[in-house]
Protein backbone atom coordinates (compact mmCIF):
# COMPACT_ATOMS: atom_id res chain seq x y z
CA UNK A 1 0.13 0.08 -0.12
CA UNK A 2 1.44 3.50 -0.96
CA UNK A 3 -0.18 6.51 0.57
CA UNK A 4 -0.87 9.46 -1.58
CA UNK A 5 2.48 11.38 -1.93
CA UNK A 6 5.56 12.10 -4.01
CA UNK A 7 7.95 9.17 -4.48
CA UNK A 8 10.55 7.93 -6.66
CA UNK A 9 10.67 4.68 -8.46
CA UNK A 10 13.84 2.65 -8.97
CA UNK A 11 14.31 -0.88 -10.28
CA UNK A 12 17.22 -3.34 -9.50
CA UNK A 13 17.84 -5.54 -12.58
CA UNK A 14 19.21 -9.08 -12.64
CA UNK A 15 17.59 -12.48 -12.83
CA UNK A 16 15.03 -11.35 -10.34
CA UNK A 17 14.08 -7.83 -11.08
CA UNK A 18 12.67 -5.57 -8.04
CA UNK A 19 10.74 -2.44 -8.25
CA UNK A 20 11.45 -0.03 -5.31
CA UNK A 21 9.23 2.68 -4.22
CA UNK A 22 11.48 5.43 -2.35
CA UNK A 23 10.28 7.90 0.22
CA UNK A 24 12.96 10.31 -1.00
CA UNK A 25 11.96 13.47 -2.79
CA UNK A 26 15.46 14.53 -4.03
CA UNK A 27 15.67 15.45 -7.36
CA UNK A 28 16.80 12.57 -9.94
CA UNK A 29 17.21 9.96 -7.26
CA UNK A 30 21.04 9.96 -7.74
CA UNK A 31 22.71 8.29 -5.92
CA UNK A 32 20.21 5.68 -4.89
CA UNK A 33 18.62 7.09 -1.57
CA UNK A 34 19.64 3.88 0.58
CA UNK A 35 17.29 3.64 3.79
CA UNK A 36 14.42 5.47 2.14
CA UNK A 37 12.55 2.39 0.63
CA UNK A 38 8.91 2.51 1.29
CA UNK A 39 8.54 -0.89 -0.26
CA UNK A 40 9.68 -3.40 -2.84
CA UNK A 41 7.86 -5.62 -5.21
CA UNK A 42 9.04 -8.40 -7.51
CA UNK A 43 8.71 -7.80 -11.36
CA UNK A 44 8.33 -10.53 -13.94
CA UNK A 45 10.70 -10.27 -16.85
CA UNK A 46 10.51 -11.34 -20.38
CA UNK A 47 12.06 -10.69 -23.83
CA UNK A 48 10.52 -7.89 -26.09
CA UNK A 49 9.27 -9.02 -29.24
CA UNK A 50 11.51 -6.51 -30.83
CA UNK A 51 14.37 -4.60 -29.49
CA UNK A 52 13.47 -1.21 -27.78
CA UNK A 53 16.03 1.53 -28.66
CA UNK A 54 14.63 3.90 -26.10
CA UNK A 55 14.13 3.43 -22.34
CA UNK A 56 10.30 2.93 -21.98
CA UNK A 57 8.40 3.30 -18.85
CA UNK A 58 4.50 2.78 -19.17
CA UNK A 59 1.41 1.78 -17.33
CA UNK A 60 -1.00 -0.74 -19.28
CA UNK A 61 -4.64 -1.16 -18.27
CA UNK A 62 -5.45 -4.54 -17.28
CA UNK A 63 -8.71 -6.19 -15.90
CA UNK A 64 -7.50 -6.50 -12.47
CA UNK A 65 -6.04 -2.83 -12.19
CA UNK A 66 -2.74 -2.07 -14.38
CA UNK A 67 0.90 -2.92 -14.72
CA UNK A 68 3.86 -0.78 -14.64
CA UNK A 69 6.18 -1.91 -17.59
CA UNK A 70 9.90 -0.92 -18.06
CA UNK A 71 11.42 -2.01 -21.47
CA UNK A 72 15.07 -1.54 -22.79
CA UNK A 73 16.86 -3.40 -25.29
CA UNK A 74 15.30 -6.88 -25.34
CA UNK A 75 13.90 -7.09 -21.72
CA UNK A 76 10.48 -6.26 -20.54
CA UNK A 77 10.02 -6.00 -16.65
CA UNK A 78 6.63 -5.62 -15.41
CA UNK A 79 4.86 -5.19 -11.81
CA UNK A 80 1.03 -5.54 -11.45
CA UNK A 81 -0.73 -2.86 -9.27
CA UNK A 82 -4.09 -1.54 -8.15
CA UNK A 83 -5.34 1.86 -7.34
CA UNK A 84 -7.83 1.59 -4.24
């Protein structure tokens, strides 16, 4: 559960990607604000149908809510979420 507010999103790539919601409000989020995590969620990873040249962050509607999708190169990482 993420209360209304201002946050940063980060991801940890690798064999098991993780989506991180950070409480930090510093501009750009660089360096990573260690100790400011509100929470982490696993992301599913699959190959894209075709290479993606530009880093793409999108929200796709689904019957159960939505999915945050991050794509770049041949990787597509996704995390489902709902708004309540």
